[in-house]
Amino acid sequence: MERQTLMQNQMRERQMAMQIAWSREFLKYYSTFFSLAALGLTIWWAESIMVSEHDRLDLPHGVANFPSIEKARRAKSSLSSHFEK
């Protein structure tokens, strides 16, 4: 009788271990799927915004280039030299 009780307890522990292992695997696959799905949807949505709202993504004064930077620097240095006098 005692041996049967021990065997039943051992079987119950094994079943619980199997359920825990299955739950862990299920959670791993479930979270992986939804993480990849969320990442894919985020990338798709960003691409969609970049295509449909391209005018909002442009820089307000255009792309900075060397002549425009030099012009702004010279204007700033000439202003500061006028204030020093």
C-alpha atoms as a PDB file:
ATOM      1  CA  MET A   1       0.000   0.000   0.000  1.00  0.00           C
ATOM      2  CA  GLU A   2       2.795   2.372   0.909  1.00  0.00           C
ATOM      3  CA  ARG A   3       4.604   1.536  -2.303  1.00  0.00           C
ATOM      4  CA  GLN A   4       1.507   2.358  -4.344  1.00  0.00           C
ATOM      5  CA  THR A   5       1.149   5.719  -2.563  1.00  0.00           C
ATOM      6  CA  LEU A   6       4.791   6.540  -3.275  1.00  0.00           C
ATOM      7  CA  MET A   7       4.336   5.600  -6.918  1.00  0.00           C
ATOM      8  CA  GLN A   8       1.191   7.741  -7.188  1.00  0.00           C
ATOM      9  CA  ASN A   9       3.001  10.707  -5.642  1.00  0.00           C
ATOM     10  CA  GLN A  10       5.894  10.240  -8.029  1.00  0.00           C
ATOM     11  CA  MET A  11       3.516  10.076 -11.005  1.00  0.00           C
ATOM     12  CA  ARG A  12       1.703  13.200  -9.807  1.00  0.00           C
ATOM     13  CA  GLU A  13       5.049  15.029  -9.483  1.00  0.00           C
ATOM     14  CA  ARG A  14       6.019  13.955 -12.996  1.00  0.00           C
ATOM     15  CA  GLN A  15       2.693  15.139 -14.379  1.00  0.00           C
ATOM     16  CA  MET A  16       3.131  18.500 -12.666  1.00  0.00           C
ATOM     17  CA  ALA A  17       6.667  18.748 -14.044  1.00  0.00           C
ATOM     18  CA  MET A  18       5.354  17.985 -17.541  1.00  0.00           C
ATOM     19  CA  GLN A  19       2.634  20.624 -17.193  1.00  0.00           C
ATOM     20  CA  ILE A  20       5.164  23.211 -16.018  1.00  0.00           C
ATOM     21  CA  ALA A  21       7.516  22.333 -18.881  1.00  0.00           C
ATOM     22  CA  TRP A  22       4.665  22.554 -21.403  1.00  0.00           C
ATOM     23  CA  SER A  23       3.594  25.919 -19.984  1.00  0.00           C
ATOM     24  CA  ARG A  24       7.135  27.258 -20.261  1.00  0.00           C
ATOM     25  CA  GLU A  25       7.444  26.109 -23.871  1.00  0.00           C
ATOM     26  CA  PHE A  26       4.026  27.512 -24.727  1.00  0.00           C
ATOM     27  CA  LEU A  27       4.927  30.855 -23.150  1.00  0.00           C
ATOM     28  CA  LYS A  28       8.231  30.926 -25.025  1.00  0.00           C
ATOM     29  CA  TYR A  29       6.623  30.269 -28.414  1.00  0.00           C
ATOM     30  CA  TYR A  30       3.680  32.572 -27.676  1.00  0.00           C
ATOM     31  CA  SER A  31       5.925  35.461 -26.636  1.00  0.00           C
ATOM     32  CA  THR A  32       8.275  34.893 -29.586  1.00  0.00           C
ATOM     33  CA  PHE A  33       5.382  34.939 -32.045  1.00  0.00           C
ATOM     34  CA  PHE A  34       3.829  38.096 -30.671  1.00  0.00           C
ATOM     35  CA  SER A  35       7.192  39.851 -30.325  1.00  0.00           C
ATOM     36  CA  LEU A  36       8.004  39.164 -33.967  1.00  0.00           C
ATOM     37  CA  ALA A  37       4.487  40.131 -35.025  1.00  0.00           C
ATOM     38  CA  ALA A  38       4.723  43.428 -33.108  1.00  0.00           C
ATOM     39  CA  LEU A  39       8.150  44.128 -34.593  1.00  0.00           C
ATOM     40  CA  GLY A  40       6.909  43.383 -38.108  1.00  0.00           C
ATOM     41  CA  LEU A  41       3.835  45.567 -37.691  1.00  0.00           C
ATOM     42  CA  THR A  42       5.943  48.400 -36.282  1.00  0.00           C
ATOM     43  CA  ILE A  43       8.322  48.229 -39.243  1.00  0.00           C
ATOM     44  CA  TRP A  44       5.405  48.069 -41.682  1.00  0.00           C
ATOM     45  CA  TRP A  45       3.695  51.046 -40.030  1.00  0.00           C
ATOM     46  CA  ALA A  46       6.921  53.084 -40.079  1.00  0.00           C
ATOM     47  CA  GLU A  47       7.413  52.328 -43.776  1.00  0.00           C
ATOM     48  CA  SER A  48       3.808  53.304 -44.436  1.00  0.00           C
ATOM     49  CA  ILE A  49       4.262  56.630 -42.633  1.00  0.00           C
ATOM     50  CA  MET A  50       7.508  57.310 -44.491  1.00  0.00           C
ATOM     51  CA  VAL A  51       5.740  56.791 -47.816  1.00  0.00           C
ATOM     52  CA  SER A  52       2.442  58.565 -47.111  1.00  0.00           C
ATOM     53  CA  GLU A  53       3.756  61.493 -45.039  1.00  0.00           C
ATOM     54  CA  HIS A  54       7.083  62.115 -46.742  1.00  0.00           C
ATOM     55  CA  ASP A  55       6.619  65.903 -46.647  1.00  0.00           C
ATOM     56  CA  ARG A  56       6.485  65.872 -42.838  1.00  0.00           C
ATOM     57  CA  LEU A  57       9.806  64.050 -42.636  1.00  0.00           C
ATOM     58  CA  ASP A  58      11.759  66.641 -44.642  1.00  0.00           C
ATOM     59  CA  LEU A  59      14.014  69.048 -42.785  1.00  0.00           C
ATOM     60  CA  PRO A  60      12.490  72.547 -42.445  1.00  0.00           C
ATOM     61  CA  HIS A  61      15.355  74.370 -44.191  1.00  0.00           C
ATOM     62  CA  GLY A  62      16.509  71.535 -46.399  1.00  0.00           C
ATOM     63  CA  VAL A  63      19.573  69.388 -46.014  1.00  0.00           C
ATOM     64  CA  ALA A  64      22.544  71.107 -44.397  1.00  0.00           C
ATOM     65  CA  ASN A  65      25.542  71.475 -46.695  1.00  0.00           C
ATOM     66  CA  PHE A  66      28.930  73.113 -46.370  1.00  0.00           C
ATOM     67  CA  PRO A  67      28.099  76.461 -48.042  1.00  0.00           C
ATOM     68  CA  SER A  68      24.993  77.002 -45.891  1.00  0.00           C
ATOM     69  CA  ILE A  69      26.912  76.147 -42.707  1.00  0.00           C
ATOM     70  CA  GLU A  70      29.741  78.516 -43.648  1.00  0.00           C
ATOM     71  CA  LYS A  71      27.262  81.280 -44.460  1.00  0.00           C
ATOM     72  CA  ALA A  72      25.581  80.888 -41.056  1.00  0.00           C
ATOM     73  CA  ARG A  73      28.962  80.802 -39.304  1.00  0.00           C
ATOM     74  CA  ARG A  74      30.151  83.960 -41.053  1.00  0.00           C
ATOM     75  CA  ALA A  75      26.896  85.743 -40.261  1.00  0.00           C
ATOM     76  CA  LYS A  76      27.203  84.757 -36.616  1.00  0.00           C
ATOM     77  CA  SER A  77      30.862  85.800 -36.396  1.00  0.00           C
ATOM     78  CA  SER A  78      30.139  89.154 -38.045  1.00  0.00           C
ATOM     79  CA  LEU A  79      27.291  89.761 -35.581  1.00  0.00           C
ATOM     80  CA  SER A  80      29.494  88.941 -32.624  1.00  0.00           C
ATOM     81  CA  SER A  81      32.260  91.238 -33.934  1.00  0.00           C
ATOM     82  CA  HIS A  82      29.741  94.116 -34.238  1.00  0.00           C
ATOM     83  CA  PHE A  83      28.612  93.608 -30.648  1.00  0.00           C
ATOM     84  CA  GLU A  84      32.191  93.622 -29.359  1.00  0.00           C
ATOM     85  CA  LYS A  85      32.880  97.105 -30.754  1.00  0.00           C
END
